[in-house]
Amino acid sequence: AVTDEQITRLSALREGCEPAHANFLAMPPSVKKTYARAYFDAKTEAGRQRRIAWMVDRLNRNLRPM
């Protein structure tokens, strides 16, 4: 299960990436959990970095994960 702490940590990683950060904060809790799960399920640091890039790209366009 995704915790509120994980969502907060993920949000902090995108601070300064506007409009992605603001769009993430405006998403419903279920969408935030889906993004957090996608990030924290990555097995390697390289995988997490790729997922952050993917998330920022989608969030800049105000899109949900899938």
Protein backbone atom coordinates (compact mmCIF):
# COMPACT_ATOMS: atom_id res chain seq x y z
CA ALA A 1 0.00 0.00 0.00
CA VAL A 2 1.14 3.52 -0.75
CA THR A 3 1.54 5.74 2.30
CA ASP A 4 0.94 9.47 2.66
CA GLU A 5 4.66 9.78 3.43
CA GLN A 6 5.55 8.25 0.06
CA ILE A 7 3.21 10.66 -1.72
CA THR A 8 4.84 13.56 0.14
CA ARG A 9 8.33 12.32 -0.79
CA LEU A 10 7.33 11.98 -4.43
CA SER A 11 5.81 15.46 -4.42
CA ALA A 12 9.04 16.89 -2.99
CA LEU A 13 11.04 15.34 -5.84
CA ARG A 14 9.08 17.42 -8.34
CA GLU A 15 9.22 20.76 -6.54
CA GLY A 16 10.48 23.38 -8.96
CA CYS A 17 9.18 21.40 -11.95
CA GLU A 18 6.25 23.60 -12.88
CA PRO A 19 3.55 23.09 -13.95
CA ALA A 20 4.07 19.37 -13.13
CA HIS A 21 4.26 19.95 -9.37
CA ALA A 22 1.10 22.10 -9.23
CA ASN A 23 -0.77 19.65 -11.44
CA PHE A 24 0.26 16.75 -9.19
CA LEU A 25 -0.99 18.58 -6.10
CA ALA A 26 -4.35 19.16 -7.81
CA MET A 27 -4.81 15.46 -8.69
CA PRO A 28 -7.22 13.31 -6.65
CA PRO A 29 -5.66 11.05 -3.96
CA SER A 30 -6.17 7.91 -6.06
CA VAL A 31 -4.12 9.36 -8.93
CA LYS A 32 -1.37 10.51 -6.55
CA LYS A 33 -1.20 6.96 -5.17
CA THR A 34 -0.93 5.51 -8.69
CA TYR A 35 1.97 7.83 -9.52
CA ALA A 36 3.66 7.05 -6.18
CA ARG A 37 3.25 3.31 -6.69
CA ALA A 38 4.80 3.58 -10.17
CA TYR A 39 7.81 5.42 -8.74
CA PHE A 40 8.42 3.33 -5.63
CA ASP A 41 7.95 0.00 -7.46
CA ALA A 42 11.02 0.72 -9.63
CA LYS A 43 13.81 -1.65 -8.65
CA THR A 44 16.82 0.53 -9.53
CA GLU A 45 17.77 4.17 -9.17
CA ALA A 46 17.98 4.42 -12.97
CA GLY A 47 14.44 3.09 -13.19
CA ARG A 48 13.22 5.65 -10.65
CA GLN A 49 14.89 8.46 -12.62
CA ARG A 50 13.19 7.30 -15.84
CA ARG A 51 9.85 7.18 -14.05
CA ILE A 52 10.30 10.71 -12.66
CA ALA A 53 11.01 11.95 -16.20
CA TRP A 54 7.91 10.13 -17.45
CA MET A 55 5.79 11.58 -14.63
CA VAL A 56 7.01 15.14 -15.16
CA ASP A 57 6.27 14.85 -18.88
CA ARG A 58 2.72 13.61 -18.24
CA LEU A 59 2.06 16.05 -15.40
CA ASN A 60 3.31 19.01 -17.44
CA ARG A 61 0.45 18.14 -19.81
CA ASN A 62 -1.90 17.58 -16.80
CA LEU A 63 -2.40 13.91 -17.72
CA ARG A 64 -3.19 11.02 -15.43
CA PRO A 65 -0.83 8.01 -15.28
CA MET A 66 -2.55 5.79 -17.82
